[in-house]
Amino acid sequence: MNTLMLQQQSLLDALFAHPGSTQASSAVQHLHTLLKPQAARGLMAYQANGHALAERCLLAAYPVIAQLLGQDNFSALARDLWHRQPPHCGDLAQWGDALPAFLADNEQLTEVPYLADVARVEWALHCAAGAPDAQPDLHSFARLSTEDPQALTLALAPGTVLISSAWPVVSLVTAHTEDQPSLTEAGQRVRDRVGETALVWRQGLRPCVAACTANALGVLQALLTGAALPDALGFAGPDFDFSDWLTPAVHSGLVIGVADATPPPTPPPHPQETP
């Protein structure tokens, strides 16, 4: 490894090692042996810029978590995550996916156990914003009346995902982003331990989240796997009305067309018995 590569690796080690750790001290000492003493000031500037960048990136993906924790606590959290789970690619928009698990494992946050699930919803919204584009195909709905429905499924919007939680995660997110419900109502749902399943999708370029009803949950779970429409409807709740559900689902951009169903996997052949 040449001198420049050693300097670059030492700089990365010094930037991402957790402050105060043995690894951080060793990395800084090694860096100082490779560079001039005045390089310490440059290292401090790099570290400060890295922390500021971590806070901005995490805030872009988790604005509700930032509001729930408060600015000072969120800044400290961003810096801690930066060192414990540093980015592994040049696109920093992809950094931050480890936050939900990081929150769930944080013993200091046991009094706010819903934070991890709220973070899961926010990361799903963040990913939906960058999901591949797919244009609605309204003409394809004619296939429902001309083709075998067992060969068809409903195409869902980019970034569609379902996140089930024992906490009112949708209420907590939308109370902070849309003022619906009120923060008081969302807080009461937390105290009442009202579980919600978040449905995340993208309408045009806008990521959306809504609470998924129990009647529609099984249907959407099946459609996400590409199941044939009749099979998916077999998972509907007792009060599910397909026609009443489909119209608003299309208008909201959740359902963007009709597509070929994904055939179920072929089971492996049974081994022949030895006579």
C-alpha atoms as a PDB file:
ATOM      1  CA  MET A   1       0.000   0.000   0.000  1.00  0.00           C
ATOM      2  CA  ASN A   2       1.544   3.326  -1.055  1.00  0.00           C
ATOM      3  CA  THR A   3       1.832   6.406   1.155  1.00  0.00           C
ATOM      4  CA  LEU A   4      -1.223   8.162  -0.286  1.00  0.00           C
ATOM      5  CA  MET A   5      -3.420   5.101   0.265  1.00  0.00           C
ATOM      6  CA  LEU A   6      -2.149   4.807   3.835  1.00  0.00           C
ATOM      7  CA  GLN A   7      -2.972   8.454   4.468  1.00  0.00           C
ATOM      8  CA  GLN A   8      -6.455   8.073   2.993  1.00  0.00           C
ATOM      9  CA  GLN A   9      -7.220   4.952   5.026  1.00  0.00           C
ATOM     10  CA  SER A  10      -5.883   6.523   8.206  1.00  0.00           C
ATOM     11  CA  LEU A  11      -8.005   9.609   7.613  1.00  0.00           C
ATOM     12  CA  LEU A  12     -11.139   7.483   7.144  1.00  0.00           C
ATOM     13  CA  ASP A  13     -10.344   5.510  10.300  1.00  0.00           C
ATOM     14  CA  ALA A  14      -9.881   8.736  12.260  1.00  0.00           C
ATOM     15  CA  LEU A  15     -13.116  10.237  10.908  1.00  0.00           C
ATOM     16  CA  PHE A  16     -15.398   7.284  11.505  1.00  0.00           C
ATOM     17  CA  ALA A  17     -13.977   5.741  14.681  1.00  0.00           C
ATOM     18  CA  HIS A  18     -16.140   6.557  17.685  1.00  0.00           C
ATOM     19  CA  PRO A  19     -14.630   9.526  19.615  1.00  0.00           C
ATOM     20  CA  GLY A  20     -12.852   8.422  22.764  1.00  0.00           C
ATOM     21  CA  SER A  21     -12.504   4.810  21.657  1.00  0.00           C
ATOM     22  CA  THR A  22      -9.195   2.958  21.472  1.00  0.00           C
ATOM     23  CA  GLN A  23      -9.673   2.682  17.714  1.00  0.00           C
ATOM     24  CA  ALA A  24     -10.067   6.459  17.406  1.00  0.00           C
ATOM     25  CA  SER A  25      -6.923   7.186  19.455  1.00  0.00           C
ATOM     26  CA  SER A  26      -4.905   4.688  17.470  1.00  0.00           C
ATOM     27  CA  ALA A  27      -6.155   6.077  14.141  1.00  0.00           C
ATOM     28  CA  VAL A  28      -5.315   9.666  15.107  1.00  0.00           C
ATOM     29  CA  GLN A  29      -1.840   8.712  16.287  1.00  0.00           C
ATOM     30  CA  HIS A  30      -1.204   6.820  13.079  1.00  0.00           C
ATOM     31  CA  LEU A  31      -2.434   9.759  11.018  1.00  0.00           C
ATOM     32  CA  HIS A  32      -0.128  12.143  12.847  1.00  0.00           C
ATOM     33  CA  THR A  33       2.869   9.942  12.050  1.00  0.00           C
ATOM     34  CA  LEU A  34       2.043  10.201   8.344  1.00  0.00           C
ATOM     35  CA  LEU A  35       1.224  13.900   8.180  1.00  0.00           C
ATOM     36  CA  LYS A  36       2.612  17.123   9.564  1.00  0.00           C
ATOM     37  CA  PRO A  37       1.558  18.120  13.111  1.00  0.00           C
ATOM     38  CA  GLN A  38      -0.589  20.986  11.860  1.00  0.00           C
ATOM     39  CA  ALA A  39      -2.750  18.412  10.097  1.00  0.00           C
ATOM     40  CA  ALA A  40      -4.614  17.994  13.414  1.00  0.00           C
ATOM     41  CA  ARG A  41      -6.524  21.200  12.727  1.00  0.00           C
ATOM     42  CA  GLY A  42      -7.557  19.854   9.340  1.00  0.00           C
ATOM     43  CA  LEU A  43      -8.737  16.616  10.941  1.00  0.00           C
ATOM     44  CA  MET A  44     -10.925  18.555  13.386  1.00  0.00           C
ATOM     45  CA  ALA A  45     -12.477  20.429  10.460  1.00  0.00           C
ATOM     46  CA  TYR A  46     -13.172  17.172   8.618  1.00  0.00           C
ATOM     47  CA  GLN A  47     -14.749  15.684  11.748  1.00  0.00           C
ATOM     48  CA  ALA A  48     -16.974  18.721  12.289  1.00  0.00           C
ATOM     49  CA  ASN A  49     -18.076  18.663   8.644  1.00  0.00           C
ATOM     50  CA  GLY A  50     -18.778  14.940   8.888  1.00  0.00           C
ATOM     51  CA  HIS A  51     -20.999  15.443  11.939  1.00  0.00           C
ATOM     52  CA  ALA A  52     -22.883  18.294  10.259  1.00  0.00           C
ATOM     53  CA  LEU A  53     -23.369  16.172   7.156  1.00  0.00           C
ATOM     54  CA  ALA A  54     -24.652  13.264   9.255  1.00  0.00           C
ATOM     55  CA  GLU A  55     -27.234  15.515  10.920  1.00  0.00           C
ATOM     56  CA  ARG A  56     -28.463  16.931   7.597  1.00  0.00           C
ATOM     57  CA  CYS A  57     -28.724  13.522   5.932  1.00  0.00           C
ATOM     58  CA  LEU A  58     -30.538  11.943   8.857  1.00  0.00           C
ATOM     59  CA  LEU A  59     -32.881  14.901   9.230  1.00  0.00           C
ATOM     60  CA  ALA A  60     -33.875  14.629   5.562  1.00  0.00           C
ATOM     61  CA  ALA A  61     -34.976  11.016   6.086  1.00  0.00           C
ATOM     62  CA  TYR A  62     -36.324  11.227   9.651  1.00  0.00           C
ATOM     63  CA  PRO A  63     -37.976  14.608  10.301  1.00  0.00           C
ATOM     64  CA  VAL A  64     -40.560  13.117  12.687  1.00  0.00           C
ATOM     65  CA  ILE A  65     -37.936  11.307  14.756  1.00  0.00           C
ATOM     66  CA  ALA A  66     -36.102  14.633  14.999  1.00  0.00           C
ATOM     67  CA  GLN A  67     -39.237  16.317  16.344  1.00  0.00           C
ATOM     68  CA  LEU A  68     -39.935  13.503  18.806  1.00  0.00           C
ATOM     69  CA  LEU A  69     -36.392  13.554  20.204  1.00  0.00           C
ATOM     70  CA  GLY A  70     -35.661  17.279  20.056  1.00  0.00           C
ATOM     71  CA  GLN A  71     -32.840  18.939  18.141  1.00  0.00           C
ATOM     72  CA  ASP A  72     -30.012  18.365  20.638  1.00  0.00           C
ATOM     73  CA  ASN A  73     -30.826  14.697  21.194  1.00  0.00           C
ATOM     74  CA  PHE A  74     -31.288  14.107  17.463  1.00  0.00           C
ATOM     75  CA  SER A  75     -27.936  15.751  16.670  1.00  0.00           C
ATOM     76  CA  ALA A  76     -26.196  13.527  19.210  1.00  0.00           C
ATOM     77  CA  LEU A  77     -27.996  10.503  17.767  1.00  0.00           C
ATOM     78  CA  ALA A  78     -26.883  11.374  14.221  1.00  0.00           C
ATOM     79  CA  ARG A  79     -23.255  11.718  15.308  1.00  0.00           C
ATOM     80  CA  ASP A  80     -23.382   8.425  17.206  1.00  0.00           C
ATOM     81  CA  LEU A  81     -24.885   6.580  14.235  1.00  0.00           C
ATOM     82  CA  TRP A  82     -22.281   8.167  11.935  1.00  0.00           C
ATOM     83  CA  HIS A  83     -19.531   6.489  13.938  1.00  0.00           C
ATOM     84  CA  ARG A  84     -21.246   3.191  14.713  1.00  0.00           C
ATOM     85  CA  GLN A  85     -22.775   2.656  11.251  1.00  0.00           C
ATOM     86  CA  PRO A  86     -20.684   4.775   8.843  1.00  0.00           C
ATOM     87  CA  PRO A  87     -21.756   5.109   5.193  1.00  0.00           C
ATOM     88  CA  HIS A  88     -20.550   2.428   2.813  1.00  0.00           C
ATOM     89  CA  CYS A  89     -21.260   4.136  -0.504  1.00  0.00           C
ATOM     90  CA  GLY A  90     -20.849   7.577  -1.994  1.00  0.00           C
ATOM     91  CA  ASP A  91     -24.582   8.277  -2.151  1.00  0.00           C
ATOM     92  CA  LEU A  92     -25.347   9.547   1.347  1.00  0.00           C
ATOM     93  CA  ALA A  93     -29.078   9.446   0.587  1.00  0.00           C
ATOM     94  CA  GLN A  94     -28.669   5.692   1.129  1.00  0.00           C
ATOM     95  CA  TRP A  95     -27.209   6.190   4.603  1.00  0.00           C
ATOM     96  CA  GLY A  96     -29.503   5.939   7.617  1.00  0.00           C
ATOM     97  CA  ASP A  97     -31.222   2.618   6.999  1.00  0.00           C
ATOM     98  CA  ALA A  98     -29.689   1.294  10.227  1.00  0.00           C
ATOM     99  CA  LEU A  99     -31.476   3.850  12.420  1.00  0.00           C
ATOM    100  CA  PRO A 100     -34.624   1.789  13.222  1.00  0.00           C
ATOM    101  CA  ALA A 101     -32.571  -1.121  14.598  1.00  0.00           C
ATOM    102  CA  PHE A 102     -30.219   1.346  16.302  1.00  0.00           C
ATOM    103  CA  LEU A 103     -33.184   2.925  18.111  1.00  0.00           C
ATOM    104  CA  ALA A 104     -34.665  -0.449  19.044  1.00  0.00           C
ATOM    105  CA  ASP A 105     -31.377  -1.527  20.669  1.00  0.00           C
ATOM    106  CA  ASN A 106     -30.795   1.766  22.515  1.00  0.00           C
ATOM    107  CA  GLU A 107     -31.377   1.147  26.227  1.00  0.00           C
ATOM    108  CA  GLN A 108     -31.741   4.876  26.872  1.00  0.00           C
ATOM    109  CA  LEU A 109     -34.906   4.959  24.718  1.00  0.00           C
ATOM    110  CA  THR A 110     -36.851   2.151  26.387  1.00  0.00           C
ATOM    111  CA  GLU A 111     -39.461   4.676  27.584  1.00  0.00           C
ATOM    112  CA  VAL A 112     -40.313   5.537  23.968  1.00  0.00           C
ATOM    113  CA  PRO A 113     -40.588   2.038  22.442  1.00  0.00           C
ATOM    114  CA  TYR A 114     -42.492   3.272  19.401  1.00  0.00           C
ATOM    115  CA  LEU A 115     -39.542   5.258  18.025  1.00  0.00           C
ATOM    116  CA  ALA A 116     -38.062   2.333  16.103  1.00  0.00           C
ATOM    117  CA  ASP A 117     -41.327   1.613  14.276  1.00  0.00           C
ATOM    118  CA  VAL A 118     -41.850   5.297  13.479  1.00  0.00           C
ATOM    119  CA  ALA A 119     -38.346   5.286  12.012  1.00  0.00           C
ATOM    120  CA  ARG A 120     -39.228   2.232   9.895  1.00  0.00           C
ATOM    121  CA  VAL A 121     -42.165   4.141   8.423  1.00  0.00           C
ATOM    122  CA  GLU A 122     -40.042   7.225   7.760  1.00  0.00           C
ATOM    123  CA  TRP A 123     -37.334   5.186   6.048  1.00  0.00           C
ATOM    124  CA  ALA A 124     -39.992   3.523   3.872  1.00  0.00           C
ATOM    125  CA  LEU A 125     -41.217   6.993   2.853  1.00  0.00           C
ATOM    126  CA  HIS A 126     -37.634   8.026   2.126  1.00  0.00           C
ATOM    127  CA  CYS A 127     -37.098   4.946  -0.056  1.00  0.00           C
ATOM    128  CA  ALA A 128     -40.425   5.440  -1.843  1.00  0.00           C
ATOM    129  CA  ALA A 129     -39.288   8.913  -2.890  1.00  0.00           C
ATOM    130  CA  GLY A 130     -36.343   7.351  -4.724  1.00  0.00           C
ATOM    131  CA  ALA A 131     -38.095   4.251  -6.062  1.00  0.00           C
ATOM    132  CA  PRO A 132     -37.999   3.624  -9.841  1.00  0.00           C
ATOM    133  CA  ASP A 133     -40.651   5.473 -11.802  1.00  0.00           C
ATOM    134  CA  ALA A 134     -43.717   3.657 -13.116  1.00  0.00           C
ATOM    135  CA  GLN A 135     -46.441   5.378 -15.110  1.00  0.00           C
ATOM    136  CA  PRO A 136     -50.112   4.539 -14.431  1.00  0.00           C
ATOM    137  CA  ASP A 137     -51.680   2.419 -17.167  1.00  0.00           C
ATOM    138  CA  LEU A 138     -55.411   3.075 -16.899  1.00  0.00           C
ATOM    139  CA  HIS A 139     -56.146   1.320 -20.204  1.00  0.00           C
ATOM    140  CA  SER A 140     -54.890  -1.943 -18.710  1.00  0.00           C
ATOM    141  CA  PHE A 141     -57.936  -2.186 -16.432  1.00  0.00           C
ATOM    142  CA  ALA A 142     -59.917  -3.354 -19.470  1.00  0.00           C
ATOM    143  CA  ARG A 143     -58.035  -6.646 -19.139  1.00  0.00           C
ATOM    144  CA  LEU A 144     -60.145  -7.460 -16.079  1.00  0.00           C
ATOM    145  CA  SER A 145     -63.185  -7.970 -18.309  1.00  0.00           C
ATOM    146  CA  THR A 146     -61.465  -9.649 -21.270  1.00  0.00           C
ATOM    147  CA  GLU A 147     -58.882 -12.016 -19.764  1.00  0.00           C
ATOM    148  CA  ASP A 148     -58.768 -14.796 -17.207  1.00  0.00           C
ATOM    149  CA  PRO A 149     -58.452 -13.033 -13.826  1.00  0.00           C
ATOM    150  CA  GLN A 150     -56.419 -15.946 -12.530  1.00  0.00           C
ATOM    151  CA  ALA A 151     -53.616 -14.785 -14.826  1.00  0.00           C
ATOM    152  CA  LEU A 152     -53.831 -11.151 -13.705  1.00  0.00           C
ATOM    153  CA  THR A 153     -52.793  -9.085 -10.715  1.00  0.00           C
ATOM    154  CA  LEU A 154     -52.936  -5.429  -9.749  1.00  0.00           C
ATOM    155  CA  ALA A 155     -49.768  -3.381 -10.186  1.00  0.00           C
ATOM    156  CA  LEU A 156     -48.996  -1.219  -7.160  1.00  0.00           C
ATOM    157  CA  ALA A 157     -47.200   2.117  -7.088  1.00  0.00           C
ATOM    158  CA  PRO A 158     -43.419   2.363  -6.717  1.00  0.00           C
ATOM    159  CA  GLY A 159     -42.155   1.994  -3.163  1.00  0.00           C
ATOM    160  CA  THR A 160     -45.309   0.335  -1.845  1.00  0.00           C
ATOM    161  CA  VAL A 161     -44.674  -1.410   1.465  1.00  0.00           C
ATOM    162  CA  LEU A 162     -46.653  -2.449   4.547  1.00  0.00           C
ATOM    163  CA  ILE A 163     -45.289  -1.954   8.068  1.00  0.00           C
ATOM    164  CA  SER A 164     -47.252  -3.429  10.973  1.00  0.00           C
ATOM    165  CA  SER A 165     -46.678  -2.090  14.464  1.00  0.00           C
ATOM    166  CA  ALA A 166     -48.096  -2.482  17.941  1.00  0.00           C
ATOM    167  CA  TRP A 167     -48.064   1.336  18.097  1.00  0.00           C
ATOM    168  CA  PRO A 168     -50.003   4.053  16.247  1.00  0.00           C
ATOM    169  CA  VAL A 169     -47.131   4.769  13.875  1.00  0.00           C
ATOM    170  CA  VAL A 170     -49.247   6.314  11.130  1.00  0.00           C
ATOM    171  CA  SER A 171     -50.939   8.664  13.575  1.00  0.00           C
ATOM    172  CA  LEU A 172     -47.569   9.735  14.992  1.00  0.00           C
ATOM    173  CA  VAL A 173     -46.113  10.444  11.552  1.00  0.00           C
ATOM    174  CA  THR A 174     -49.097  12.291  10.099  1.00  0.00           C
ATOM    175  CA  ALA A 175     -49.701  14.260  13.303  1.00  0.00           C
ATOM    176  CA  HIS A 176     -46.274  15.820  12.805  1.00  0.00           C
ATOM    177  CA  THR A 177     -46.358  16.152   9.014  1.00  0.00           C
ATOM    178  CA  GLU A 178     -50.028  16.851   8.239  1.00  0.00           C
ATOM    179  CA  ASP A 179     -51.534  17.899  11.597  1.00  0.00           C
ATOM    180  CA  GLN A 180     -53.954  14.968  11.256  1.00  0.00           C
ATOM    181  CA  PRO A 181     -54.734  13.698  13.815  1.00  0.00           C
ATOM    182  CA  SER A 182     -53.806  16.290  16.405  1.00  0.00           C
ATOM    183  CA  LEU A 183     -50.767  15.667  18.577  1.00  0.00           C
ATOM    184  CA  THR A 184     -53.116  15.260  21.534  1.00  0.00           C
ATOM    185  CA  GLU A 185     -55.069  12.543  19.723  1.00  0.00           C
ATOM    186  CA  ALA A 186     -51.889  10.797  18.614  1.00  0.00           C
ATOM    187  CA  GLY A 187     -50.589  10.882  22.174  1.00  0.00           C
ATOM    188  CA  GLN A 188     -53.793   9.312  23.458  1.00  0.00           C
ATOM    189  CA  ARG A 189     -53.495   6.513  20.892  1.00  0.00           C
ATOM    190  CA  VAL A 190     -49.986   5.850  22.183  1.00  0.00           C
ATOM    191  CA  ARG A 191     -51.290   5.613  25.750  1.00  0.00           C
ATOM    192  CA  ASP A 192     -54.075   3.300  24.560  1.00  0.00           C
ATOM    193  CA  ARG A 193     -51.545   1.106  22.690  1.00  0.00           C
ATOM    194  CA  VAL A 194     -53.471   1.331  19.423  1.00  0.00           C
ATOM    195  CA  GLY A 195     -51.621  -0.728  16.839  1.00  0.00           C
ATOM    196  CA  GLU A 196     -51.552   0.414  13.212  1.00  0.00           C
ATOM    197  CA  THR A 197     -50.275  -0.942   9.916  1.00  0.00           C
ATOM    198  CA  ALA A 198     -48.681   1.718   7.747  1.00  0.00           C
ATOM    199  CA  LEU A 199     -49.263   1.576   4.002  1.00  0.00           C
ATOM    200  CA  VAL A 200     -46.527   3.504   2.188  1.00  0.00           C
ATOM    201  CA  TRP A 201     -46.593   4.232  -1.541  1.00  0.00           C
ATOM    202  CA  ARG A 202     -45.745   6.991  -3.984  1.00  0.00           C
ATOM    203  CA  GLN A 203     -48.376   9.070  -5.760  1.00  0.00           C
ATOM    204  CA  GLY A 204     -46.589  10.628  -8.708  1.00  0.00           C
ATOM    205  CA  LEU A 205     -43.475  12.043  -7.057  1.00  0.00           C
ATOM    206  CA  ARG A 206     -45.004  12.383  -3.572  1.00  0.00           C
ATOM    207  CA  PRO A 207     -44.452   9.668  -0.943  1.00  0.00           C
ATOM    208  CA  CYS A 208     -47.662   8.894   0.944  1.00  0.00           C
ATOM    209  CA  VAL A 209     -48.591   7.036   4.108  1.00  0.00           C
ATOM    210  CA  ALA A 210     -51.977   5.915   5.395  1.00  0.00           C
ATOM    211  CA  ALA A 211     -53.300   3.393   7.874  1.00  0.00           C
ATOM    212  CA  CYS A 212     -54.163   0.101   6.183  1.00  0.00           C
ATOM    213  CA  THR A 213     -57.470  -1.395   7.240  1.00  0.00           C
ATOM    214  CA  ALA A 214     -57.633  -4.945   8.522  1.00  0.00           C
ATOM    215  CA  ASN A 215     -59.991  -5.878   5.669  1.00  0.00           C
ATOM    216  CA  ALA A 216     -57.498  -4.808   2.994  1.00  0.00           C
ATOM    217  CA  LEU A 217     -54.277  -5.932   4.684  1.00  0.00           C
ATOM    218  CA  GLY A 218     -54.267  -9.510   3.426  1.00  0.00           C
ATOM    219  CA  VAL A 219     -55.183  -8.414  -0.094  1.00  0.00           C
ATOM    220  CA  LEU A 220     -52.318  -5.934  -0.301  1.00  0.00           C
ATOM    221  CA  GLN A 221     -49.840  -8.382   1.198  1.00  0.00           C
ATOM    222  CA  ALA A 222     -50.758 -10.879  -1.526  1.00  0.00           C
ATOM    223  CA  LEU A 223     -50.648  -8.280  -4.309  1.00  0.00           C
ATOM    224  CA  LEU A 224     -47.147  -7.270  -3.225  1.00  0.00           C
ATOM    225  CA  THR A 225     -46.029 -10.809  -4.039  1.00  0.00           C
ATOM    226  CA  GLY A 226     -47.632 -10.653  -7.499  1.00  0.00           C
ATOM    227  CA  ALA A 227     -50.407 -13.085  -6.553  1.00  0.00           C
ATOM    228  CA  ALA A 228     -53.304 -13.599  -8.948  1.00  0.00           C
ATOM    229  CA  LEU A 229     -56.195 -11.271  -8.193  1.00  0.00           C
ATOM    230  CA  PRO A 230     -58.686 -14.014  -7.177  1.00  0.00           C
ATOM    231  CA  ASP A 231     -56.085 -15.517  -4.850  1.00  0.00           C
ATOM    232  CA  ALA A 232     -55.347 -12.115  -3.319  1.00  0.00           C
ATOM    233  CA  LEU A 233     -59.040 -11.444  -2.748  1.00  0.00           C
ATOM    234  CA  GLY A 234     -59.206 -14.719  -0.866  1.00  0.00           C
ATOM    235  CA  PHE A 235     -57.249 -12.990   1.909  1.00  0.00           C
ATOM    236  CA  ALA A 236     -59.741 -10.120   2.227  1.00  0.00           C
ATOM    237  CA  GLY A 237     -61.512  -9.382   5.470  1.00  0.00           C
ATOM    238  CA  PRO A 238     -65.207 -10.188   5.874  1.00  0.00           C
ATOM    239  CA  ASP A 239     -66.351  -6.627   5.111  1.00  0.00           C
ATOM    240  CA  PHE A 240     -64.044  -6.012   2.153  1.00  0.00           C
ATOM    241  CA  ASP A 241     -65.767  -4.661  -0.961  1.00  0.00           C
ATOM    242  CA  PHE A 242     -63.450  -4.831  -3.967  1.00  0.00           C
ATOM    243  CA  SER A 243     -65.290  -2.213  -6.036  1.00  0.00           C
ATOM    244  CA  ASP A 244     -65.465   0.264  -3.166  1.00  0.00           C
ATOM    245  CA  TRP A 245     -61.757  -0.253  -2.453  1.00  0.00           C
ATOM    246  CA  LEU A 246     -60.463  -0.186  -6.030  1.00  0.00           C
ATOM    247  CA  THR A 247     -61.781   3.239  -7.067  1.00  0.00           C
ATOM    248  CA  PRO A 248     -60.045   5.272  -4.326  1.00  0.00           C
ATOM    249  CA  ALA A 249     -56.962   3.043  -4.631  1.00  0.00           C
ATOM    250  CA  VAL A 250     -56.647   4.056  -8.288  1.00  0.00           C
ATOM    251  CA  HIS A 251     -57.404   7.725  -7.621  1.00  0.00           C
ATOM    252  CA  SER A 252     -54.779   7.871  -4.874  1.00  0.00           C
ATOM    253  CA  GLY A 253     -52.150   6.342  -7.158  1.00  0.00           C
ATOM    254  CA  LEU A 254     -51.784   3.179  -5.067  1.00  0.00           C
ATOM    255  CA  VAL A 255     -53.003   0.886  -7.862  1.00  0.00           C
ATOM    256  CA  ILE A 256     -51.491   1.914 -11.192  1.00  0.00           C
ATOM    257  CA  GLY A 257     -52.741  -0.814 -13.511  1.00  0.00           C
ATOM    258  CA  VAL A 258     -53.297  -4.471 -14.270  1.00  0.00           C
ATOM    259  CA  ALA A 259     -50.339  -6.756 -14.908  1.00  0.00           C
ATOM    260  CA  ASP A 260     -49.552 -10.423 -15.419  1.00  0.00           C
ATOM    261  CA  ALA A 261     -49.668 -12.365 -12.188  1.00  0.00           C
ATOM    262  CA  THR A 262     -46.534 -14.024 -10.902  1.00  0.00           C
ATOM    263  CA  PRO A 263     -47.083 -17.771 -11.149  1.00  0.00           C
ATOM    264  CA  PRO A 264     -46.585 -19.625  -7.869  1.00  0.00           C
ATOM    265  CA  PRO A 265     -43.318 -21.515  -7.622  1.00  0.00           C
ATOM    266  CA  THR A 266     -43.401 -25.049  -8.950  1.00  0.00           C
ATOM    267  CA  PRO A 267     -42.943 -27.523  -6.107  1.00  0.00           C
ATOM    268  CA  PRO A 268     -39.949 -29.819  -6.480  1.00  0.00           C
ATOM    269  CA  PRO A 269     -40.733 -33.305  -7.758  1.00  0.00           C
ATOM    270  CA  HIS A 270     -41.115 -36.015  -5.152  1.00  0.00           C
ATOM    271  CA  PRO A 271     -38.145 -38.359  -5.092  1.00  0.00           C
ATOM    272  CA  GLN A 272     -38.916 -41.765  -6.455  1.00  0.00           C
ATOM    273  CA  GLU A 273     -39.136 -44.465  -3.866  1.00  0.00           C
ATOM    274  CA  THR A 274     -36.573 -47.201  -4.113  1.00  0.00           C
ATOM    275  CA  PRO A 275     -38.307 -50.557  -4.449  1.00  0.00           C
END
